């Protein structure tokens, strides 16, 4: 449920199309159980998350069967303005796109999106940068998430510190952004270097890119947690969704409060 559907429910109560008792049931139990007939439900969908948080529940496809993903997305997309499915396999993506009208595969982000409405622009300007080309899938997940949350996203890829002139050529443009999501593997040096050059908050996403002692991204994670540059917030390894969400939510909430104050 979002603001629009809540207003519609209230209007239906006022017009008599929905009784107060029916409305109470909808609001009291704001989740939907999804499962196979005769079996325990495999999902309990939080339809009111968009109303509370400004963005609906997101589906992590990893670890779910294709049938489970399709059933969950079908149920969510009936009410959510934007339904985002992350970490989806090609097989599951094909099934969702085939079975659900309006579903679009975003292969570069390993995601599927079902949009009932266009994202409401928040005025947030978010930059998403990657250290290397191998980090782009995680960076695209961050960028897609921020865009679905109403942010304007600027992508800048492959500007790692091994060729720091690439970063310096772009750095002046970052100063006009409200926040930056910096995606980097190996020792993840890019994020603290960027933090030393720009005034906006940095959300760092360590990736599992790297050899041997990168330990699947653990080295990058620990490096970022010990960053010398202040103002660097760190999310989990390969969590592009978490990085994009954090940056877009923080800026959108602040801008919303500013608009209320000015209004």
C-alpha atoms as a PDB file:
ATOM      1  CA  UNK A   1       0.000   0.000   0.000  1.00  0.00           C
ATOM      2  CA  UNK A   2       1.250   3.469  -0.917  1.00  0.00           C
ATOM      3  CA  UNK A   3      -0.131   6.969  -0.403  1.00  0.00           C
ATOM      4  CA  UNK A   4      -2.322   6.691  -3.502  1.00  0.00           C
ATOM      5  CA  UNK A   5      -3.882   3.365  -2.485  1.00  0.00           C
ATOM      6  CA  UNK A   6      -4.453   4.626   1.060  1.00  0.00           C
ATOM      7  CA  UNK A   7      -6.309   7.680  -0.259  1.00  0.00           C
ATOM      8  CA  UNK A   8      -8.333   5.424  -2.541  1.00  0.00           C
ATOM      9  CA  UNK A   9      -9.295   3.238   0.424  1.00  0.00           C
ATOM     10  CA  UNK A  10     -10.352   6.270   2.462  1.00  0.00           C
ATOM     11  CA  UNK A  11     -12.419   7.583  -0.455  1.00  0.00           C
ATOM     12  CA  UNK A  12     -14.092   4.184  -0.815  1.00  0.00           C
ATOM     13  CA  UNK A  13     -15.017   4.274   2.869  1.00  0.00           C
ATOM     14  CA  UNK A  14     -16.427   7.776   2.486  1.00  0.00           C
ATOM     15  CA  UNK A  15     -18.505   6.736  -0.545  1.00  0.00           C
ATOM     16  CA  UNK A  16     -19.764   3.564   1.113  1.00  0.00           C
ATOM     17  CA  UNK A  17     -18.083   1.177  -1.333  1.00  0.00           C
ATOM     18  CA  UNK A  18     -15.984  -0.253   1.504  1.00  0.00           C
ATOM     19  CA  UNK A  19     -17.293  -0.737   5.022  1.00  0.00           C
ATOM     20  CA  UNK A  20     -15.242   0.390   8.023  1.00  0.00           C
ATOM     21  CA  UNK A  21     -14.965  -3.269   9.043  1.00  0.00           C
ATOM     22  CA  UNK A  22     -13.495  -4.240   5.667  1.00  0.00           C
ATOM     23  CA  UNK A  23     -11.046  -1.345   5.854  1.00  0.00           C
ATOM     24  CA  UNK A  24     -10.040  -2.378   9.360  1.00  0.00           C
ATOM     25  CA  UNK A  25      -9.240  -5.877   8.111  1.00  0.00           C
ATOM     26  CA  UNK A  26      -7.057  -4.506   5.311  1.00  0.00           C
ATOM     27  CA  UNK A  27      -5.124  -2.213   7.623  1.00  0.00           C
ATOM     28  CA  UNK A  28      -4.850  -4.588  10.549  1.00  0.00           C
ATOM     29  CA  UNK A  29      -3.307  -7.423   8.543  1.00  0.00           C
ATOM     30  CA  UNK A  30      -1.083  -5.619   6.064  1.00  0.00           C
ATOM     31  CA  UNK A  31       0.650  -8.715   4.759  1.00  0.00           C
ATOM     32  CA  UNK A  32      -0.294 -11.446   2.331  1.00  0.00           C
ATOM     33  CA  UNK A  33       0.645 -15.095   2.679  1.00  0.00           C
ATOM     34  CA  UNK A  34       1.815 -16.725  -0.536  1.00  0.00           C
ATOM     35  CA  UNK A  35       2.212 -20.460  -0.972  1.00  0.00           C
ATOM     36  CA  UNK A  36       1.001 -23.620  -2.614  1.00  0.00           C
ATOM     37  CA  UNK A  37      -2.449 -24.969  -1.779  1.00  0.00           C
ATOM     38  CA  UNK A  38      -2.392 -27.282   1.210  1.00  0.00           C
ATOM     39  CA  UNK A  39       1.150 -26.332   2.198  1.00  0.00           C
ATOM     40  CA  UNK A  40       2.669 -23.827   4.592  1.00  0.00           C
ATOM     41  CA  UNK A  41       3.171 -20.380   3.004  1.00  0.00           C
ATOM     42  CA  UNK A  42       6.667 -19.705   1.722  1.00  0.00           C
ATOM     43  CA  UNK A  43       6.321 -15.901   1.828  1.00  0.00           C
ATOM     44  CA  UNK A  44       4.494 -13.243   3.841  1.00  0.00           C
ATOM     45  CA  UNK A  45       4.457 -10.081   1.765  1.00  0.00           C
ATOM     46  CA  UNK A  46       4.604  -6.679   3.451  1.00  0.00           C
ATOM     47  CA  UNK A  47       2.225  -4.636   1.294  1.00  0.00           C
ATOM     48  CA  UNK A  48       2.381  -1.603   3.602  1.00  0.00           C
ATOM     49  CA  UNK A  49       6.141  -1.121   3.425  1.00  0.00           C
ATOM     50  CA  UNK A  50       5.823   1.544   0.732  1.00  0.00           C
ATOM     51  CA  UNK A  51       3.485   3.500   2.994  1.00  0.00           C
ATOM     52  CA  UNK A  52       5.953   3.342   5.899  1.00  0.00           C
ATOM     53  CA  UNK A  53       9.269   3.610   4.077  1.00  0.00           C
ATOM     54  CA  UNK A  54       8.486   5.233   0.751  1.00  0.00           C
ATOM     55  CA  UNK A  55       9.496   2.166  -1.286  1.00  0.00           C
ATOM     56  CA  UNK A  56       7.848  -1.273  -1.475  1.00  0.00           C
ATOM     57  CA  UNK A  57       9.278  -4.611  -0.440  1.00  0.00           C
ATOM     58  CA  UNK A  58      12.073  -5.820  -2.720  1.00  0.00           C
ATOM     59  CA  UNK A  59      12.446  -9.453  -3.771  1.00  0.00           C
ATOM     60  CA  UNK A  60      15.838 -11.135  -3.381  1.00  0.00           C
ATOM     61  CA  UNK A  61      15.525 -13.949  -5.929  1.00  0.00           C
ATOM     62  CA  UNK A  62      18.692 -15.712  -4.829  1.00  0.00           C
ATOM     63  CA  UNK A  63      17.848 -18.876  -2.879  1.00  0.00           C
ATOM     64  CA  UNK A  64      14.252 -19.027  -4.123  1.00  0.00           C
ATOM     65  CA  UNK A  65      12.851 -21.408  -6.723  1.00  0.00           C
ATOM     66  CA  UNK A  66      11.626 -19.990 -10.014  1.00  0.00           C
ATOM     67  CA  UNK A  67       8.016 -20.776  -9.099  1.00  0.00           C
ATOM     68  CA  UNK A  68       8.408 -18.990  -5.765  1.00  0.00           C
ATOM     69  CA  UNK A  69       9.873 -15.902  -7.425  1.00  0.00           C
ATOM     70  CA  UNK A  70       7.052 -15.743  -9.979  1.00  0.00           C
ATOM     71  CA  UNK A  71       4.356 -16.139  -7.310  1.00  0.00           C
ATOM     72  CA  UNK A  72       5.880 -13.490  -5.048  1.00  0.00           C
ATOM     73  CA  UNK A  73       6.392 -10.975  -7.851  1.00  0.00           C
ATOM     74  CA  UNK A  74       2.871 -11.530  -9.156  1.00  0.00           C
ATOM     75  CA  UNK A  75       1.379 -10.798  -5.725  1.00  0.00           C
ATOM     76  CA  UNK A  76       3.585  -7.777  -5.000  1.00  0.00           C
ATOM     77  CA  UNK A  77       3.125  -6.177  -8.400  1.00  0.00           C
ATOM     78  CA  UNK A  78      -0.655  -6.056  -7.981  1.00  0.00           C
ATOM     79  CA  UNK A  79      -0.325  -3.250  -5.429  1.00  0.00           C
ATOM     80  CA  UNK A  80       3.241  -1.880  -5.539  1.00  0.00           C
ATOM     81  CA  UNK A  81       4.123   1.040  -7.774  1.00  0.00           C
ATOM     82  CA  UNK A  82       7.555  -0.483  -8.377  1.00  0.00           C
ATOM     83  CA  UNK A  83       8.467  -4.137  -7.876  1.00  0.00           C
ATOM     84  CA  UNK A  84      12.206  -4.781  -7.928  1.00  0.00           C
ATOM     85  CA  UNK A  85      13.675  -8.291  -8.061  1.00  0.00           C
ATOM     86  CA  UNK A  86      17.413  -8.538  -7.393  1.00  0.00           C
ATOM     87  CA  UNK A  87      20.003 -11.295  -7.891  1.00  0.00           C
ATOM     88  CA  UNK A  88      17.742 -13.100 -10.319  1.00  0.00           C
ATOM     89  CA  UNK A  89      18.957 -15.970 -12.495  1.00  0.00           C
ATOM     90  CA  UNK A  90      18.418 -15.865 -16.259  1.00  0.00           C
ATOM     91  CA  UNK A  91      15.954 -18.762 -15.977  1.00  0.00           C
ATOM     92  CA  UNK A  92      13.854 -17.045 -13.301  1.00  0.00           C
ATOM     93  CA  UNK A  93      14.036 -13.736 -15.167  1.00  0.00           C
ATOM     94  CA  UNK A  94      12.625 -15.354 -18.310  1.00  0.00           C
ATOM     95  CA  UNK A  95       9.792 -16.905 -16.305  1.00  0.00           C
ATOM     96  CA  UNK A  96       8.861 -13.614 -14.628  1.00  0.00           C
ATOM     97  CA  UNK A  97       8.959 -11.659 -17.897  1.00  0.00           C
ATOM     98  CA  UNK A  98       6.844 -14.332 -19.601  1.00  0.00           C
ATOM     99  CA  UNK A  99       4.231 -14.678 -16.847  1.00  0.00           C
ATOM    100  CA  UNK A 100       3.831 -11.128 -15.547  1.00  0.00           C
ATOM    101  CA  UNK A 101       2.653  -8.269 -17.795  1.00  0.00           C
ATOM    102  CA  UNK A 102       4.974  -5.278 -17.760  1.00  0.00           C
ATOM    103  CA  UNK A 103       7.948  -7.138 -16.293  1.00  0.00           C
ATOM    104  CA  UNK A 104      11.251  -5.977 -17.768  1.00  0.00           C
ATOM    105  CA  UNK A 105      14.606  -7.725 -17.406  1.00  0.00           C
ATOM    106  CA  UNK A 106      17.515  -5.430 -16.545  1.00  0.00           C
ATOM    107  CA  UNK A 107      20.278  -7.859 -17.379  1.00  0.00           C
ATOM    108  CA  UNK A 108      23.093  -5.403 -16.624  1.00  0.00           C
ATOM    109  CA  UNK A 109      21.889  -5.211 -13.001  1.00  0.00           C
ATOM    110  CA  UNK A 110      20.866  -8.896 -12.749  1.00  0.00           C
ATOM    111  CA  UNK A 111      17.371  -7.648 -11.935  1.00  0.00           C
ATOM    112  CA  UNK A 112      13.755  -7.583 -13.080  1.00  0.00           C
ATOM    113  CA  UNK A 113      11.421  -4.601 -12.650  1.00  0.00           C
ATOM    114  CA  UNK A 114       7.627  -4.404 -12.802  1.00  0.00           C
ATOM    115  CA  UNK A 115       6.391  -0.796 -12.891  1.00  0.00           C
ATOM    116  CA  UNK A 116       2.716   0.055 -12.395  1.00  0.00           C
ATOM    117  CA  UNK A 117       3.589   3.740 -12.100  1.00  0.00           C
ATOM    118  CA  UNK A 118       6.594   5.904 -12.933  1.00  0.00           C
ATOM    119  CA  UNK A 119       8.913   6.668 -10.002  1.00  0.00           C
ATOM    120  CA  UNK A 120       8.068   9.974  -8.337  1.00  0.00           C
ATOM    121  CA  UNK A 121      11.084  12.291  -8.789  1.00  0.00           C
ATOM    122  CA  UNK A 122      12.605  13.287  -5.454  1.00  0.00           C
ATOM    123  CA  UNK A 123      15.125  15.774  -6.822  1.00  0.00           C
ATOM    124  CA  UNK A 124      17.963  13.619  -5.477  1.00  0.00           C
ATOM    125  CA  UNK A 125      21.112  13.594  -7.598  1.00  0.00           C
ATOM    126  CA  UNK A 126      23.031  10.396  -6.911  1.00  0.00           C
ATOM    127  CA  UNK A 127      26.335   9.387  -8.461  1.00  0.00           C
ATOM    128  CA  UNK A 128      27.233   5.726  -8.863  1.00  0.00           C
ATOM    129  CA  UNK A 129      30.874   5.006  -9.653  1.00  0.00           C
ATOM    130  CA  UNK A 130      32.815   1.793 -10.037  1.00  0.00           C
ATOM    131  CA  UNK A 131      36.507   1.154  -9.648  1.00  0.00           C
ATOM    132  CA  UNK A 132      36.623  -1.418 -12.431  1.00  0.00           C
ATOM    133  CA  UNK A 133      34.543  -2.878 -15.219  1.00  0.00           C
ATOM    134  CA  UNK A 134      34.155  -6.085 -13.187  1.00  0.00           C
ATOM    135  CA  UNK A 135      32.311  -4.063 -10.539  1.00  0.00           C
ATOM    136  CA  UNK A 136      29.664  -2.793 -12.972  1.00  0.00           C
ATOM    137  CA  UNK A 137      26.943  -5.400 -12.218  1.00  0.00           C
ATOM    138  CA  UNK A 138      26.950  -4.359  -8.553  1.00  0.00           C
ATOM    139  CA  UNK A 139      27.092  -0.689  -9.536  1.00  0.00           C
ATOM    140  CA  UNK A 140      24.154  -1.133 -11.922  1.00  0.00           C
ATOM    141  CA  UNK A 141      22.127  -2.732  -9.136  1.00  0.00           C
ATOM    142  CA  UNK A 142      22.796   0.358  -7.017  1.00  0.00           C
ATOM    143  CA  UNK A 143      21.944   2.723  -9.871  1.00  0.00           C
ATOM    144  CA  UNK A 144      18.708   0.926 -10.763  1.00  0.00           C
ATOM    145  CA  UNK A 145      17.586   0.929  -7.134  1.00  0.00           C
ATOM    146  CA  UNK A 146      18.202   4.656  -6.765  1.00  0.00           C
ATOM    147  CA  UNK A 147      16.379   5.393 -10.029  1.00  0.00           C
ATOM    148  CA  UNK A 148      13.317   3.406  -8.968  1.00  0.00           C
ATOM    149  CA  UNK A 149      13.325   5.442  -5.747  1.00  0.00           C
ATOM    150  CA  UNK A 150      13.027   8.630  -7.799  1.00  0.00           C
ATOM    151  CA  UNK A 151      16.647   9.757  -7.942  1.00  0.00           C
ATOM    152  CA  UNK A 152      18.472  11.125 -10.948  1.00  0.00           C
ATOM    153  CA  UNK A 153      21.533   8.902 -11.327  1.00  0.00           C
ATOM    154  CA  UNK A 154      24.880   9.700 -12.919  1.00  0.00           C
ATOM    155  CA  UNK A 155      26.943   6.609 -13.779  1.00  0.00           C
ATOM    156  CA  UNK A 156      30.756   6.767 -13.985  1.00  0.00           C
ATOM    157  CA  UNK A 157      32.511   3.430 -14.406  1.00  0.00           C
ATOM    158  CA  UNK A 158      36.105   2.152 -14.428  1.00  0.00           C
ATOM    159  CA  UNK A 159      37.863   5.008 -12.641  1.00  0.00           C
ATOM    160  CA  UNK A 160      39.903   3.010 -10.121  1.00  0.00           C
ATOM    161  CA  UNK A 161      42.988   4.394  -8.428  1.00  0.00           C
ATOM    162  CA  UNK A 162      45.428   2.324 -10.517  1.00  0.00           C
ATOM    163  CA  UNK A 163      44.891   5.031 -13.131  1.00  0.00           C
ATOM    164  CA  UNK A 164      44.001   7.899 -10.851  1.00  0.00           C
ATOM    165  CA  UNK A 165      43.971  10.424 -13.688  1.00  0.00           C
ATOM    166  CA  UNK A 166      40.629   8.869 -14.711  1.00  0.00           C
ATOM    167  CA  UNK A 167      39.124   9.808 -11.349  1.00  0.00           C
ATOM    168  CA  UNK A 168      40.630  13.287 -11.350  1.00  0.00           C
ATOM    169  CA  UNK A 169      39.119  13.954 -14.775  1.00  0.00           C
ATOM    170  CA  UNK A 170      35.635  13.287 -13.337  1.00  0.00           C
ATOM    171  CA  UNK A 171      35.946  14.581  -9.777  1.00  0.00           C
ATOM    172  CA  UNK A 172      34.788  18.153 -10.390  1.00  0.00           C
ATOM    173  CA  UNK A 173      31.446  16.884 -11.696  1.00  0.00           C
ATOM    174  CA  UNK A 174      30.827  14.954  -8.480  1.00  0.00           C
ATOM    175  CA  UNK A 175      30.581  18.154  -6.451  1.00  0.00           C
ATOM    176  CA  UNK A 176      27.089  18.849  -7.819  1.00  0.00           C
ATOM    177  CA  UNK A 177      25.741  15.542  -6.474  1.00  0.00           C
ATOM    178  CA  UNK A 178      23.889  14.974  -3.206  1.00  0.00           C
ATOM    179  CA  UNK A 179      25.544  11.600  -2.537  1.00  0.00           C
ATOM    180  CA  UNK A 180      27.880   9.106  -4.177  1.00  0.00           C
ATOM    181  CA  UNK A 181      27.750   5.321  -4.183  1.00  0.00           C
ATOM    182  CA  UNK A 182      31.287   4.039  -4.737  1.00  0.00           C
ATOM    183  CA  UNK A 183      31.617   0.392  -5.772  1.00  0.00           C
ATOM    184  CA  UNK A 184      35.061  -1.205  -5.550  1.00  0.00           C
ATOM    185  CA  UNK A 185      36.755  -4.545  -5.036  1.00  0.00           C
ATOM    186  CA  UNK A 186      40.345  -5.619  -4.295  1.00  0.00           C
ATOM    187  CA  UNK A 187      41.501  -3.173  -1.569  1.00  0.00           C
ATOM    188  CA  UNK A 188      38.607  -0.754  -2.361  1.00  0.00           C
ATOM    189  CA  UNK A 189      40.869   2.304  -2.265  1.00  0.00           C
ATOM    190  CA  UNK A 190      38.577   4.281  -4.552  1.00  0.00           C
ATOM    191  CA  UNK A 191      35.971   5.151  -1.921  1.00  0.00           C
ATOM    192  CA  UNK A 192      38.246   6.915   0.608  1.00  0.00           C
ATOM    193  CA  UNK A 193      40.089   8.694  -2.211  1.00  0.00           C
ATOM    194  CA  UNK A 194      36.774  10.007  -3.582  1.00  0.00           C
ATOM    195  CA  UNK A 195      35.756  10.980  -0.045  1.00  0.00           C
ATOM    196  CA  UNK A 196      38.861  13.137   0.169  1.00  0.00           C
ATOM    197  CA  UNK A 197      37.902  15.043  -2.978  1.00  0.00           C
ATOM    198  CA  UNK A 198      34.168  15.775  -2.689  1.00  0.00           C
ATOM    199  CA  UNK A 199      31.903  17.296  -0.011  1.00  0.00           C
ATOM    200  CA  UNK A 200      28.958  14.879  -0.292  1.00  0.00           C
ATOM    201  CA  UNK A 201      28.304  11.694   1.729  1.00  0.00           C
ATOM    202  CA  UNK A 202      29.825   8.490   0.366  1.00  0.00           C
ATOM    203  CA  UNK A 203      28.149   5.087   0.519  1.00  0.00           C
ATOM    204  CA  UNK A 204      30.819   2.483  -0.191  1.00  0.00           C
ATOM    205  CA  UNK A 205      29.994  -0.954  -1.584  1.00  0.00           C
ATOM    206  CA  UNK A 206      32.852  -3.472  -1.333  1.00  0.00           C
ATOM    207  CA  UNK A 207      32.757  -6.159  -4.013  1.00  0.00           C
ATOM    208  CA  UNK A 208      34.090  -9.686  -4.262  1.00  0.00           C
ATOM    209  CA  UNK A 209      36.251  -8.732  -7.262  1.00  0.00           C
ATOM    210  CA  UNK A 210      39.863  -9.781  -6.766  1.00  0.00           C
ATOM    211  CA  UNK A 211      42.304 -12.654  -6.370  1.00  0.00           C
ATOM    212  CA  UNK A 212      43.259 -14.938  -3.490  1.00  0.00           C
ATOM    213  CA  UNK A 213      43.686 -12.806  -0.402  1.00  0.00           C
ATOM    214  CA  UNK A 214      40.756 -10.590  -1.322  1.00  0.00           C
ATOM    215  CA  UNK A 215      38.795 -13.377   0.411  1.00  0.00           C
ATOM    216  CA  UNK A 216      35.642 -12.838  -1.612  1.00  0.00           C
ATOM    217  CA  UNK A 217      35.437  -9.148  -0.729  1.00  0.00           C
ATOM    218  CA  UNK A 218      36.354  -9.396   2.957  1.00  0.00           C
ATOM    219  CA  UNK A 219      39.597  -7.485   2.380  1.00  0.00           C
ATOM    220  CA  UNK A 220      37.674  -4.689   0.654  1.00  0.00           C
ATOM    221  CA  UNK A 221      35.092  -4.604   3.446  1.00  0.00           C
ATOM    222  CA  UNK A 222      37.681  -4.376   6.223  1.00  0.00           C
ATOM    223  CA  UNK A 223      39.660  -1.774   4.292  1.00  0.00           C
ATOM    224  CA  UNK A 224      36.570   0.429   3.954  1.00  0.00           C
ATOM    225  CA  UNK A 225      35.622   0.020   7.610  1.00  0.00           C
ATOM    226  CA  UNK A 226      39.081   1.363   8.451  1.00  0.00           C
ATOM    227  CA  UNK A 227      38.934   4.254   5.988  1.00  0.00           C
ATOM    228  CA  UNK A 228      41.000   7.289   6.920  1.00  0.00           C
ATOM    229  CA  UNK A 229      38.616   9.648   5.116  1.00  0.00           C
ATOM    230  CA  UNK A 230      35.549  10.589   7.191  1.00  0.00           C
ATOM    231  CA  UNK A 231      32.031  10.459   5.813  1.00  0.00           C
ATOM    232  CA  UNK A 232      32.258   6.978   4.298  1.00  0.00           C
ATOM    233  CA  UNK A 233      29.354   4.665   5.148  1.00  0.00           C
ATOM    234  CA  UNK A 234      29.869   0.998   4.267  1.00  0.00           C
ATOM    235  CA  UNK A 235      27.327  -1.647   3.275  1.00  0.00           C
ATOM    236  CA  UNK A 236      27.796  -5.381   2.826  1.00  0.00           C
ATOM    237  CA  UNK A 237      29.876  -7.125   0.164  1.00  0.00           C
ATOM    238  CA  UNK A 238      28.323  -6.926  -3.333  1.00  0.00           C
ATOM    239  CA  UNK A 239      25.247  -5.201  -1.873  1.00  0.00           C
ATOM    240  CA  UNK A 240      24.571  -2.719  -4.655  1.00  0.00           C
ATOM    241  CA  UNK A 241      20.910  -2.652  -3.699  1.00  0.00           C
ATOM    242  CA  UNK A 242      21.770  -1.615  -0.145  1.00  0.00           C
ATOM    243  CA  UNK A 243      24.125   1.111  -1.331  1.00  0.00           C
ATOM    244  CA  UNK A 244      21.676   2.612  -3.803  1.00  0.00           C
ATOM    245  CA  UNK A 245      18.810   2.376  -1.330  1.00  0.00           C
ATOM    246  CA  UNK A 246      20.740   4.058   1.490  1.00  0.00           C
ATOM    247  CA  UNK A 247      21.898   6.969  -0.665  1.00  0.00           C
ATOM    248  CA  UNK A 248      18.525   7.566  -2.336  1.00  0.00           C
ATOM    249  CA  UNK A 249      16.539   7.238   0.892  1.00  0.00           C
ATOM    250  CA  UNK A 250      18.748   9.614   2.878  1.00  0.00           C
ATOM    251  CA  UNK A 251      18.677  12.354   0.249  1.00  0.00           C
ATOM    252  CA  UNK A 252      14.961  11.965  -0.513  1.00  0.00           C
ATOM    253  CA  UNK A 253      14.034  12.107   3.174  1.00  0.00           C
ATOM    254  CA  UNK A 254      16.127  15.213   3.776  1.00  0.00           C
ATOM    255  CA  UNK A 255      14.696  16.955   0.720  1.00  0.00           C
ATOM    256  CA  UNK A 256      11.191  16.001   1.821  1.00  0.00           C
ATOM    257  CA  UNK A 257      11.744  17.569   5.234  1.00  0.00           C
ATOM    258  CA  UNK A 258      13.120  20.706   3.591  1.00  0.00           C
ATOM    259  CA  UNK A 259      10.033  20.957   1.366  1.00  0.00           C
ATOM    260  CA  UNK A 260       7.731  20.612   4.381  1.00  0.00           C
ATOM    261  CA  UNK A 261       9.638  23.346   6.203  1.00  0.00           C
ATOM    262  CA  UNK A 262       9.486  25.687   3.212  1.00  0.00           C
ATOM    263  CA  UNK A 263       5.808  24.925   2.645  1.00  0.00           C
END
